[in-house]
Amino acid sequence: MANSLFDILKDKNFDEPAESVAIKKYVHDNFKEQVAVTVRERDIIVECPSAALAGTLRMHQIQMKKAASTEKRLVLRIR
């Protein structure tokens, strides 16, 4: 018997990862900017709206890792 869409998705966790929330909060609190964050198995991708913000965040990578309590590699991208 075919599974319905509800049966397939009912056990899926749609909550945002804690690392993503922590990085977004860090950037917003310190720079008043919004970033998009993608958490993958080995790294975290932070998409910045400008090159200036990406360059500044590069100098704050250690603090962002501490805020997110992670050892994953941070990748900064410009949208």
N, C-alpha and C. Protein backbone atom coordinates (compact mmCIF):
# COMPACT_ATOMS: atom_id res chain seq x y z
N MET A 1 0.84 -1.18 0.00
CA MET A 1 0.00 0.00 0.00
C MET A 1 0.89 1.26 0.00
N ALA A 2 0.53 2.24 -0.74
CA ALA A 2 1.31 3.47 -0.84
C ALA A 2 1.17 4.30 0.43
N ASN A 3 2.26 4.91 0.83
CA ASN A 3 2.24 5.79 2.00
C ASN A 3 1.73 7.16 1.60
N SER A 4 0.95 7.74 2.51
CA SER A 4 0.50 9.10 2.25
C SER A 4 1.62 10.07 2.64
N LEU A 5 1.53 11.28 2.17
CA LEU A 5 2.52 12.30 2.49
C LEU A 5 2.58 12.53 4.00
N PHE A 6 1.45 12.50 4.65
CA PHE A 6 1.42 12.68 6.10
C PHE A 6 2.20 11.58 6.80
N ASP A 7 2.03 10.35 6.38
CA ASP A 7 2.74 9.22 7.01
C ASP A 7 4.25 9.36 6.84
N ILE A 8 4.67 9.87 5.70
CA ILE A 8 6.10 10.02 5.43
C ILE A 8 6.70 11.13 6.28
N LEU A 9 5.98 12.24 6.44
CA LEU A 9 6.54 13.41 7.10
C LEU A 9 6.19 13.56 8.58
N LYS A 10 5.35 12.70 9.13
CA LYS A 10 4.90 12.90 10.51
C LYS A 10 6.02 12.78 11.54
N ASP A 11 7.05 11.99 11.27
CA ASP A 11 8.13 11.81 12.23
C ASP A 11 9.34 12.70 11.94
N LYS A 12 9.25 13.53 10.94
CA LYS A 12 10.37 14.41 10.56
C LYS A 12 10.44 15.59 11.53
N ASN A 13 11.66 15.95 11.92
CA ASN A 13 11.89 17.07 12.82
C ASN A 13 12.16 18.32 11.98
N PHE A 14 11.26 19.30 12.03
CA PHE A 14 11.39 20.50 11.23
C PHE A 14 11.94 21.68 12.03
N ASP A 15 12.40 21.45 13.24
CA ASP A 15 12.96 22.53 14.06
C ASP A 15 14.31 22.96 13.49
N GLU A 16 14.58 24.25 13.63
CA GLU A 16 15.86 24.79 13.17
C GLU A 16 16.96 24.32 14.12
N PRO A 17 18.11 23.88 13.60
CA PRO A 17 19.20 23.42 14.48
C PRO A 17 19.68 24.54 15.41
N ALA A 18 20.09 24.18 16.61
CA ALA A 18 20.53 25.15 17.61
C ALA A 18 21.74 25.95 17.12
N GLU A 19 22.60 25.31 16.35
CA GLU A 19 23.78 25.99 15.81
C GLU A 19 23.37 27.13 14.89
N SER A 20 22.37 26.87 14.07
CA SER A 20 21.87 27.88 13.14
C SER A 20 21.28 29.07 13.88
N VAL A 21 20.48 28.80 14.88
CA VAL A 21 19.86 29.86 15.68
C VAL A 21 20.94 30.69 16.38
N ALA A 22 21.94 30.04 16.94
CA ALA A 22 23.00 30.75 17.66
C ALA A 22 23.81 31.65 16.74
N ILE A 23 24.13 31.19 15.54
CA ILE A 23 24.91 32.00 14.61
C ILE A 23 24.09 33.20 14.12
N LYS A 24 22.83 32.96 13.79
CA LYS A 24 21.97 34.06 13.36
C LYS A 24 21.84 35.12 14.46
N LYS A 25 21.68 34.67 15.69
CA LYS A 25 21.56 35.59 16.82
C LYS A 25 22.86 36.37 17.02
N TYR A 26 24.00 35.71 16.93
CA TYR A 26 25.30 36.37 17.08
C TYR A 26 25.46 37.48 16.05
N VAL A 27 25.16 37.17 14.79
CA VAL A 27 25.32 38.16 13.72
C VAL A 27 24.34 39.32 13.91
N HIS A 28 23.11 39.00 14.26
CA HIS A 28 22.13 40.07 14.44
C HIS A 28 22.48 40.95 15.63
N ASP A 29 22.88 40.36 16.73
CA ASP A 29 23.20 41.13 17.94
C ASP A 29 24.42 42.02 17.74
N ASN A 30 25.42 41.55 16.99
CA ASN A 30 26.66 42.29 16.84
C ASN A 30 26.71 43.20 15.61
N PHE A 31 25.99 42.82 14.54
CA PHE A 31 26.13 43.56 13.28
C PHE A 31 24.80 44.07 12.72
N LYS A 32 23.69 43.72 13.35
CA LYS A 32 22.36 44.15 12.90
C LYS A 32 22.09 43.76 11.45
N GLU A 33 22.53 42.58 11.08
CA GLU A 33 22.33 42.04 9.73
C GLU A 33 21.71 40.65 9.84
N GLN A 34 21.04 40.23 8.77
CA GLN A 34 20.47 38.89 8.73
C GLN A 34 21.28 38.04 7.76
N VAL A 35 21.54 36.81 8.16
CA VAL A 35 22.27 35.87 7.32
C VAL A 35 21.44 34.60 7.19
N ALA A 36 21.72 33.85 6.15
CA ALA A 36 21.10 32.53 5.98
C ALA A 36 22.13 31.49 6.42
N VAL A 37 21.69 30.50 7.18
CA VAL A 37 22.61 29.49 7.72
C VAL A 37 22.12 28.10 7.33
N THR A 38 23.03 27.31 6.78
CA THR A 38 22.75 25.92 6.44
C THR A 38 23.69 25.03 7.23
N VAL A 39 23.13 24.12 8.02
CA VAL A 39 23.94 23.22 8.82
C VAL A 39 24.01 21.88 8.10
N ARG A 40 25.23 21.45 7.83
CA ARG A 40 25.45 20.16 7.19
C ARG A 40 26.23 19.26 8.15
N GLU A 41 26.55 18.06 7.70
CA GLU A 41 27.20 17.08 8.57
C GLU A 41 28.55 17.55 9.10
N ARG A 42 29.38 18.14 8.24
CA ARG A 42 30.74 18.52 8.64
C ARG A 42 30.98 20.01 8.70
N ASP A 43 30.06 20.79 8.15
CA ASP A 43 30.29 22.23 8.13
C ASP A 43 28.99 23.02 8.24
N ILE A 44 29.15 24.31 8.45
CA ILE A 44 28.03 25.23 8.55
C ILE A 44 28.28 26.33 7.52
N ILE A 45 27.31 26.55 6.64
CA ILE A 45 27.45 27.56 5.60
C ILE A 45 26.67 28.80 6.05
N VAL A 46 27.36 29.94 6.06
CA VAL A 46 26.75 31.20 6.43
C VAL A 46 26.74 32.07 5.18
N GLU A 47 25.54 32.40 4.68
CA GLU A 47 25.41 33.21 3.48
C GLU A 47 25.16 34.66 3.90
N CYS A 48 26.06 35.54 3.46
CA CYS A 48 26.03 36.95 3.85
C CYS A 48 25.50 37.79 2.69
N PRO A 49 24.80 38.89 3.01
CA PRO A 49 24.27 39.75 1.95
C PRO A 49 25.33 40.65 1.31
N SER A 50 26.51 40.77 1.91
CA SER A 50 27.53 41.64 1.33
C SER A 50 28.92 41.08 1.60
N ALA A 51 29.86 41.47 0.74
CA ALA A 51 31.25 41.05 0.91
C ALA A 51 31.86 41.68 2.15
N ALA A 52 31.43 42.88 2.47
CA ALA A 52 31.96 43.56 3.66
C ALA A 52 31.60 42.78 4.92
N LEU A 53 30.36 42.31 5.00
CA LEU A 53 29.95 41.53 6.17
C LEU A 53 30.70 40.20 6.21
N ALA A 54 30.86 39.55 5.07
CA ALA A 54 31.58 38.28 5.02
C ALA A 54 33.02 38.45 5.49
N GLY A 55 33.66 39.54 5.07
CA GLY A 55 35.03 39.81 5.51
C GLY A 55 35.13 40.06 6.99
N THR A 56 34.15 40.77 7.53
CA THR A 56 34.13 41.04 8.97
C THR A 56 33.86 39.76 9.75
N LEU A 57 32.92 38.95 9.26
CA LEU A 57 32.61 37.69 9.96
C LEU A 57 33.78 36.73 9.94
N ARG A 58 34.60 36.81 8.92
CA ARG A 58 35.78 35.93 8.87
C ARG A 58 36.66 36.16 10.09
N MET A 59 36.74 37.39 10.55
CA MET A 59 37.54 37.70 11.74
C MET A 59 36.83 37.31 13.04
N HIS A 60 35.55 36.96 12.94
CA HIS A 60 34.77 36.59 14.12
C HIS A 60 34.40 35.10 14.12
N GLN A 61 35.06 34.31 13.30
CA GLN A 61 34.71 32.90 13.19
C GLN A 61 34.86 32.15 14.51
N ILE A 62 35.90 32.43 15.25
CA ILE A 62 36.13 31.73 16.52
C ILE A 62 35.00 32.04 17.49
N GLN A 63 34.60 33.31 17.58
CA GLN A 63 33.52 33.70 18.48
C GLN A 63 32.19 33.08 18.04
N MET A 64 31.96 32.99 16.73
CA MET A 64 30.72 32.37 16.25
C MET A 64 30.69 30.88 16.58
N LYS A 65 31.84 30.21 16.44
CA LYS A 65 31.90 28.79 16.80
C LYS A 65 31.61 28.58 18.28
N LYS A 66 32.16 29.48 19.12
CA LYS A 66 31.90 29.37 20.55
C LYS A 66 30.44 29.64 20.86
N ALA A 67 29.84 30.62 20.20
CA ALA A 67 28.43 30.94 20.42
C ALA A 67 27.54 29.77 20.02
N ALA A 68 27.92 29.06 18.96
CA ALA A 68 27.14 27.93 18.48
C ALA A 68 27.53 26.61 19.15
N SER A 69 28.57 26.64 19.97
CA SER A 69 29.07 25.43 20.65
C SER A 69 29.33 24.31 19.64
N THR A 70 30.12 24.61 18.63
CA THR A 70 30.39 23.62 17.59
C THR A 70 31.86 23.64 17.20
N GLU A 71 32.30 22.53 16.64
CA GLU A 71 33.64 22.42 16.08
C GLU A 71 33.58 22.26 14.56
N LYS A 72 32.38 22.37 14.00
CA LYS A 72 32.24 22.25 12.55
C LYS A 72 32.92 23.43 11.86
N ARG A 73 33.34 23.20 10.63
CA ARG A 73 34.00 24.24 9.84
C ARG A 73 32.95 25.26 9.39
N LEU A 74 33.26 26.55 9.54
CA LEU A 74 32.37 27.61 9.07
C LEU A 74 32.78 28.04 7.66
N VAL A 75 31.82 28.07 6.76
CA VAL A 75 32.04 28.51 5.39
C VAL A 75 31.23 29.78 5.19
N LEU A 76 31.89 30.85 4.77
CA LEU A 76 31.20 32.12 4.53
C LEU A 76 31.01 32.31 3.03
N ARG A 77 29.78 32.60 2.64
CA ARG A 77 29.47 32.83 1.23
C ARG A 77 28.78 34.17 1.08
N ILE A 78 28.93 34.77 -0.08
CA ILE A 78 28.24 36.02 -0.40
C ILE A 78 27.07 35.66 -1.31
N ARG A 79 25.89 36.17 -0.97
CA ARG A 79 24.69 35.89 -1.78
C ARG A 79 24.75 36.56 -3.11
